[in-house]
Structure formats: structure tokens, C-alpha cells
Amino acid sequence: MCSLRSCNHELCINCFECVVKEEFTVKQLVDCPQCGKVIHEDEIIDVLGQDRWMEILEEIEPDIYQGDGSQVKCRCGSMIQVIEHQVNYDITDKDGYFISAEAAEDYAKNRIR
């Protein structure tokens, strides 16, 4: 089971993963199946883990990562360079809460230029 911090609803992790795959494929967003509140990517990563989230993205759009992974293909078709920045642990989410240390490190590692 997992508890969504955006709405406090609990879901089976396997069901949550199915919802993520189905909804993200169709509308590039994921909503809580119980209340419809948007579940942001950082929360998806918190629940499923960064590695599983990347696997899901690669399943959904297998051609998004090019070459060594430093180039990302945008939905519009443009290529974007992924660069690594210095970690900033003072980043807040849209509600003003500090993001987790793991999220801050990932944010720094996966910035785009």
C-alpha cells in the first residue's frame, strides 16, 4: 500500500503503477483515482522510486532518451540537453514545503538546458 501525500488516499502500489501508466500515456498527467487530485511527478517518484519511474517513461515513450542519456527528446520533437547542477536543498514545492533530499539531488542531476 502507498499513501498519496497530495490527498492522503491509500492505494495498492501495483494499482497505482497501472494508473500512472494509463493516465500519463493519455494526458501526461496522473490523477488520484479516488478524488481526481493531480499527483505531481515528485510524488510519483516518491511512491514508485526514480528507477521504476524512468522505466515507465521509457515504456511509454521508448525514443525519449537518445544516445548516452544526456539528450532528451521533447514531446514537440526538439532535443534537450540534460545537465547536472549543484544540489540545492532549499527548494520548495508548489505548496511551500521543502522537497526531500532525494528529490533535490534528482532535481540537480536532471536539469535541462
N, C-alpha and C. Protein backbone atom coordinates (compact mmCIF):
# COMPACT_ATOMS: atom_id res chain seq x y z
N MET A 1 0.84 -1.18 0.00
CA MET A 1 0.00 0.00 0.00
C MET A 1 0.88 1.24 0.00
N CYS A 2 0.35 2.29 -0.61
CA CYS A 2 1.03 3.58 -0.58
C CYS A 2 0.02 4.65 -0.23
N SER A 3 0.49 5.68 0.43
CA SER A 3 -0.37 6.79 0.81
C SER A 3 0.07 8.00 0.01
N LEU A 4 -0.86 8.62 -0.69
CA LEU A 4 -0.55 9.79 -1.50
C LEU A 4 -0.57 11.03 -0.62
N ARG A 5 0.54 11.77 -0.60
CA ARG A 5 0.60 12.93 0.30
C ARG A 5 -0.25 14.09 -0.21
N SER A 6 -0.55 14.12 -1.50
CA SER A 6 -1.34 15.22 -2.04
C SER A 6 -2.80 15.17 -1.59
N CYS A 7 -3.30 13.96 -1.30
CA CYS A 7 -4.71 13.84 -0.92
C CYS A 7 -4.95 12.84 0.22
N ASN A 8 -3.90 12.17 0.67
CA ASN A 8 -3.96 11.19 1.76
C ASN A 8 -4.74 9.91 1.44
N HIS A 9 -5.05 9.66 0.17
CA HIS A 9 -5.71 8.41 -0.19
C HIS A 9 -4.67 7.30 -0.24
N GLU A 10 -5.10 6.09 0.07
CA GLU A 10 -4.21 4.93 0.02
C GLU A 10 -4.57 4.05 -1.15
N LEU A 11 -3.53 3.55 -1.81
CA LEU A 11 -3.70 2.69 -2.97
C LEU A 11 -2.70 1.54 -2.90
N CYS A 12 -3.05 0.44 -3.50
CA CYS A 12 -2.12 -0.65 -3.73
C CYS A 12 -1.04 -0.13 -4.70
N ILE A 13 0.21 -0.42 -4.43
CA ILE A 13 1.29 0.09 -5.29
C ILE A 13 1.13 -0.41 -6.73
N ASN A 14 0.73 -1.66 -6.93
CA ASN A 14 0.54 -2.18 -8.29
C ASN A 14 -0.58 -1.43 -9.01
N CYS A 15 -1.67 -1.14 -8.30
CA CYS A 15 -2.77 -0.38 -8.90
C CYS A 15 -2.32 1.04 -9.22
N PHE A 16 -1.54 1.64 -8.31
CA PHE A 16 -1.03 3.00 -8.55
C PHE A 16 -0.17 3.02 -9.80
N GLU A 17 0.68 2.01 -9.95
CA GLU A 17 1.54 1.95 -11.13
C GLU A 17 0.71 1.84 -12.41
N CYS A 18 -0.35 1.04 -12.38
CA CYS A 18 -1.25 0.91 -13.53
C CYS A 18 -1.91 2.25 -13.87
N VAL A 19 -2.37 2.95 -12.84
CA VAL A 19 -2.99 4.26 -13.04
C VAL A 19 -1.98 5.23 -13.66
N VAL A 20 -0.77 5.22 -13.14
CA VAL A 20 0.28 6.10 -13.67
C VAL A 20 0.52 5.81 -15.16
N LYS A 21 0.68 4.54 -15.51
CA LYS A 21 0.93 4.17 -16.91
C LYS A 21 -0.21 4.60 -17.82
N GLU A 22 -1.44 4.28 -17.41
CA GLU A 22 -2.61 4.58 -18.24
C GLU A 22 -2.83 6.07 -18.40
N GLU A 23 -2.82 6.81 -17.30
CA GLU A 23 -3.13 8.24 -17.37
C GLU A 23 -2.01 9.05 -17.98
N PHE A 24 -0.77 8.74 -17.64
CA PHE A 24 0.34 9.53 -18.17
C PHE A 24 0.45 9.33 -19.68
N THR A 25 0.16 8.13 -20.15
CA THR A 25 0.20 7.86 -21.59
C THR A 25 -0.81 8.72 -22.33
N VAL A 26 -2.00 8.88 -21.77
CA VAL A 26 -3.08 9.59 -22.44
C VAL A 26 -2.97 11.10 -22.29
N LYS A 27 -2.74 11.59 -21.07
CA LYS A 27 -2.83 13.04 -20.86
C LYS A 27 -1.61 13.68 -20.22
N GLN A 28 -0.52 12.95 -20.05
CA GLN A 28 0.73 13.46 -19.48
C GLN A 28 0.55 13.98 -18.05
N LEU A 29 -0.52 13.59 -17.41
CA LEU A 29 -0.80 13.90 -16.00
C LEU A 29 -1.32 12.65 -15.34
N VAL A 30 -1.25 12.62 -14.01
CA VAL A 30 -1.80 11.50 -13.26
C VAL A 30 -2.70 12.07 -12.18
N ASP A 31 -3.92 11.55 -12.09
CA ASP A 31 -4.88 11.98 -11.08
C ASP A 31 -5.12 10.84 -10.10
N CYS A 32 -5.41 11.19 -8.85
CA CYS A 32 -5.79 10.19 -7.86
C CYS A 32 -7.09 9.55 -8.35
N PRO A 33 -7.15 8.23 -8.42
CA PRO A 33 -8.37 7.58 -8.91
C PRO A 33 -9.55 7.72 -7.94
N GLN A 34 -9.29 8.12 -6.71
CA GLN A 34 -10.37 8.26 -5.74
C GLN A 34 -10.97 9.67 -5.71
N CYS A 35 -10.13 10.71 -5.84
CA CYS A 35 -10.66 12.08 -5.73
C CYS A 35 -10.37 12.95 -6.93
N GLY A 36 -9.48 12.51 -7.83
CA GLY A 36 -9.18 13.27 -9.03
C GLY A 36 -8.11 14.34 -8.87
N LYS A 37 -7.53 14.48 -7.68
CA LYS A 37 -6.49 15.48 -7.47
C LYS A 37 -5.23 15.09 -8.24
N VAL A 38 -4.58 16.07 -8.85
CA VAL A 38 -3.38 15.81 -9.64
C VAL A 38 -2.25 15.33 -8.73
N ILE A 39 -1.58 14.27 -9.17
CA ILE A 39 -0.42 13.73 -8.47
C ILE A 39 0.80 14.15 -9.27
N HIS A 40 1.65 14.97 -8.68
CA HIS A 40 2.80 15.51 -9.38
C HIS A 40 3.93 14.48 -9.48
N GLU A 41 4.82 14.72 -10.43
CA GLU A 41 5.89 13.77 -10.72
C GLU A 41 6.75 13.47 -9.50
N ASP A 42 7.04 14.46 -8.66
CA ASP A 42 7.88 14.19 -7.50
C ASP A 42 7.21 13.20 -6.56
N GLU A 43 5.89 13.23 -6.47
CA GLU A 43 5.17 12.27 -5.63
C GLU A 43 5.17 10.88 -6.26
N ILE A 44 5.04 10.83 -7.58
CA ILE A 44 5.11 9.54 -8.28
C ILE A 44 6.46 8.89 -8.01
N ILE A 45 7.53 9.70 -8.08
CA ILE A 45 8.88 9.19 -7.82
C ILE A 45 9.01 8.74 -6.38
N ASP A 46 8.43 9.51 -5.45
CA ASP A 46 8.48 9.11 -4.03
C ASP A 46 7.83 7.74 -3.82
N VAL A 47 6.73 7.49 -4.52
CA VAL A 47 5.99 6.23 -4.34
C VAL A 47 6.66 5.08 -5.08
N LEU A 48 6.97 5.29 -6.36
CA LEU A 48 7.49 4.19 -7.19
C LEU A 48 9.01 4.08 -7.20
N GLY A 49 9.69 5.16 -6.87
CA GLY A 49 11.14 5.19 -6.95
C GLY A 49 11.58 5.73 -8.31
N GLN A 50 12.71 6.41 -8.31
CA GLN A 50 13.23 7.02 -9.53
C GLN A 50 13.46 5.98 -10.64
N ASP A 51 14.05 4.84 -10.29
CA ASP A 51 14.37 3.83 -11.32
C ASP A 51 13.10 3.31 -11.99
N ARG A 52 12.08 2.98 -11.20
CA ARG A 52 10.85 2.45 -11.78
C ARG A 52 10.14 3.52 -12.61
N TRP A 53 10.15 4.77 -12.14
CA TRP A 53 9.53 5.86 -12.90
C TRP A 53 10.22 6.01 -14.26
N MET A 54 11.56 5.93 -14.28
CA MET A 54 12.28 6.04 -15.55
C MET A 54 11.94 4.86 -16.46
N GLU A 55 11.81 3.67 -15.90
CA GLU A 55 11.42 2.50 -16.69
C GLU A 55 10.03 2.72 -17.32
N ILE A 56 9.11 3.25 -16.53
CA ILE A 56 7.75 3.51 -17.04
C ILE A 56 7.80 4.53 -18.17
N LEU A 57 8.56 5.61 -17.99
CA LEU A 57 8.67 6.62 -19.04
C LEU A 57 9.25 6.02 -20.32
N GLU A 58 10.24 5.16 -20.16
CA GLU A 58 10.85 4.53 -21.33
C GLU A 58 9.89 3.56 -22.00
N GLU A 59 9.01 2.91 -21.22
CA GLU A 59 7.98 2.03 -21.80
C GLU A 59 6.96 2.86 -22.58
N ILE A 60 6.58 4.00 -22.00
CA ILE A 60 5.56 4.86 -22.62
C ILE A 60 6.11 5.52 -23.87
N GLU A 61 7.31 6.06 -23.77
CA GLU A 61 7.92 6.75 -24.90
C GLU A 61 9.35 6.25 -25.07
N PRO A 62 9.52 5.12 -25.73
CA PRO A 62 10.84 4.49 -25.80
C PRO A 62 11.90 5.33 -26.49
N ASP A 63 11.51 6.29 -27.32
CA ASP A 63 12.52 7.06 -28.04
C ASP A 63 12.81 8.41 -27.37
N ILE A 64 12.37 8.59 -26.12
CA ILE A 64 12.57 9.89 -25.47
C ILE A 64 14.04 10.13 -25.13
N TYR A 65 14.79 9.10 -24.72
CA TYR A 65 16.20 9.26 -24.38
C TYR A 65 17.05 8.84 -25.56
N GLN A 66 18.00 9.68 -25.91
CA GLN A 66 18.82 9.45 -27.08
C GLN A 66 20.27 9.24 -26.65
N GLY A 67 20.95 8.34 -27.30
CA GLY A 67 22.38 8.13 -27.08
C GLY A 67 22.72 7.73 -25.67
N ASP A 68 23.56 8.54 -25.03
CA ASP A 68 24.06 8.23 -23.69
C ASP A 68 23.13 8.72 -22.58
N GLY A 69 21.97 9.23 -22.92
CA GLY A 69 21.03 9.71 -21.92
C GLY A 69 21.19 11.19 -21.62
N SER A 70 22.17 11.85 -22.23
CA SER A 70 22.35 13.29 -21.98
C SER A 70 21.46 14.13 -22.90
N GLN A 71 20.83 13.50 -23.85
CA GLN A 71 19.91 14.19 -24.75
C GLN A 71 18.50 13.61 -24.57
N VAL A 72 17.53 14.49 -24.42
CA VAL A 72 16.15 14.07 -24.24
C VAL A 72 15.32 14.66 -25.37
N LYS A 73 14.45 13.84 -25.93
CA LYS A 73 13.57 14.31 -26.99
C LYS A 73 12.29 14.85 -26.37
N CYS A 74 12.02 16.13 -26.58
CA CYS A 74 10.81 16.77 -26.06
C CYS A 74 9.59 16.26 -26.84
N ARG A 75 8.42 16.41 -26.26
CA ARG A 75 7.19 15.98 -26.94
C ARG A 75 6.98 16.71 -28.26
N CYS A 76 7.54 17.94 -28.37
CA CYS A 76 7.39 18.71 -29.61
C CYS A 76 8.37 18.23 -30.68
N GLY A 77 9.33 17.37 -30.30
CA GLY A 77 10.31 16.86 -31.25
C GLY A 77 11.69 17.46 -31.08
N SER A 78 11.82 18.56 -30.33
CA SER A 78 13.11 19.20 -30.10
C SER A 78 13.98 18.33 -29.20
N MET A 79 15.28 18.46 -29.35
CA MET A 79 16.22 17.75 -28.48
C MET A 79 16.66 18.71 -27.38
N ILE A 80 16.71 18.21 -26.14
CA ILE A 80 17.09 19.00 -24.98
C ILE A 80 18.27 18.30 -24.31
N GLN A 81 19.27 19.09 -23.90
CA GLN A 81 20.43 18.52 -23.23
C GLN A 81 20.18 18.46 -21.72
N VAL A 82 20.42 17.29 -21.13
CA VAL A 82 20.30 17.11 -19.69
C VAL A 82 21.66 17.41 -19.08
N ILE A 83 21.69 18.32 -18.08
CA ILE A 83 22.94 18.69 -17.44
C ILE A 83 22.80 18.54 -15.92
N GLU A 84 23.93 18.40 -15.26
CA GLU A 84 23.92 18.24 -13.81
C GLU A 84 24.29 19.57 -13.16
N HIS A 85 23.52 19.96 -12.14
CA HIS A 85 23.76 21.19 -11.40
C HIS A 85 24.16 20.86 -9.97
N GLN A 86 24.53 21.89 -9.23
CA GLN A 86 24.85 21.74 -7.81
C GLN A 86 23.53 21.52 -7.05
N VAL A 87 23.55 20.66 -6.06
CA VAL A 87 22.35 20.33 -5.28
C VAL A 87 21.97 21.51 -4.40
N ASN A 88 20.68 21.87 -4.42
CA ASN A 88 20.13 22.93 -3.57
C ASN A 88 19.04 22.29 -2.71
N TYR A 89 19.30 22.17 -1.42
CA TYR A 89 18.34 21.53 -0.53
C TYR A 89 17.25 22.49 -0.03
N ASP A 90 17.23 23.72 -0.51
CA ASP A 90 16.24 24.71 -0.08
C ASP A 90 15.11 24.89 -1.08
N ILE A 91 14.93 23.94 -1.98
CA ILE A 91 13.87 24.02 -2.98
C ILE A 91 12.54 23.64 -2.33
N THR A 92 11.51 24.40 -2.65
CA THR A 92 10.18 24.10 -2.12
C THR A 92 9.25 23.69 -3.24
N ASP A 93 8.21 22.93 -2.88
CA ASP A 93 7.21 22.54 -3.86
C ASP A 93 6.18 23.65 -4.02
N LYS A 94 5.16 23.41 -4.81
CA LYS A 94 4.15 24.44 -5.09
C LYS A 94 3.38 24.87 -3.86
N ASP A 95 3.39 24.06 -2.80
CA ASP A 95 2.69 24.38 -1.57
C ASP A 95 3.61 25.01 -0.52
N GLY A 96 4.87 25.22 -0.89
CA GLY A 96 5.81 25.85 0.02
C GLY A 96 6.57 24.91 0.92
N TYR A 97 6.39 23.59 0.76
CA TYR A 97 7.10 22.61 1.57
C TYR A 97 8.44 22.26 0.93
N PHE A 98 9.45 22.05 1.77
CA PHE A 98 10.75 21.65 1.23
C PHE A 98 10.64 20.26 0.61
N ILE A 99 11.27 20.10 -0.55
CA ILE A 99 11.27 18.78 -1.17
C ILE A 99 12.28 17.91 -0.44
N SER A 100 12.15 16.60 -0.60
CA SER A 100 13.04 15.68 0.09
C SER A 100 14.47 15.82 -0.44
N ALA A 101 15.42 15.38 0.35
CA ALA A 101 16.82 15.43 -0.06
C ALA A 101 17.02 14.63 -1.35
N GLU A 102 16.36 13.47 -1.44
CA GLU A 102 16.46 12.64 -2.64
C GLU A 102 15.91 13.38 -3.86
N ALA A 103 14.79 14.08 -3.69
CA ALA A 103 14.21 14.83 -4.80
C ALA A 103 15.11 15.98 -5.21
N ALA A 104 15.72 16.67 -4.23
CA ALA A 104 16.63 17.78 -4.53
C ALA A 104 17.85 17.29 -5.31
N GLU A 105 18.37 16.13 -4.92
CA GLU A 105 19.52 15.56 -5.63
C GLU A 105 19.14 15.16 -7.05
N ASP A 106 17.95 14.57 -7.20
CA ASP A 106 17.50 14.20 -8.53
C ASP A 106 17.24 15.44 -9.38
N TYR A 107 16.67 16.46 -8.79
CA TYR A 107 16.40 17.73 -9.48
C TYR A 107 17.69 18.32 -10.02
N ALA A 108 18.75 18.29 -9.19
CA ALA A 108 20.03 18.82 -9.62
C ALA A 108 20.65 17.98 -10.73
N LYS A 109 20.46 16.68 -10.64
CA LYS A 109 21.07 15.75 -11.60
C LYS A 109 20.37 15.80 -12.96
N ASN A 110 19.09 16.09 -12.97
CA ASN A 110 18.32 16.00 -14.21
C ASN A 110 17.77 17.33 -14.69
N ARG A 111 18.60 18.38 -14.63
CA ARG A 111 18.20 19.68 -15.14
C ARG A 111 18.38 19.69 -16.66
N ILE A 112 17.67 20.57 -17.32
CA ILE A 112 17.82 20.65 -18.78
C ILE A 112 18.31 22.02 -19.20
N ARG A 113 18.93 22.04 -20.33
CA ARG A 113 19.45 23.28 -20.89
C ARG A 113 18.77 23.51 -22.21
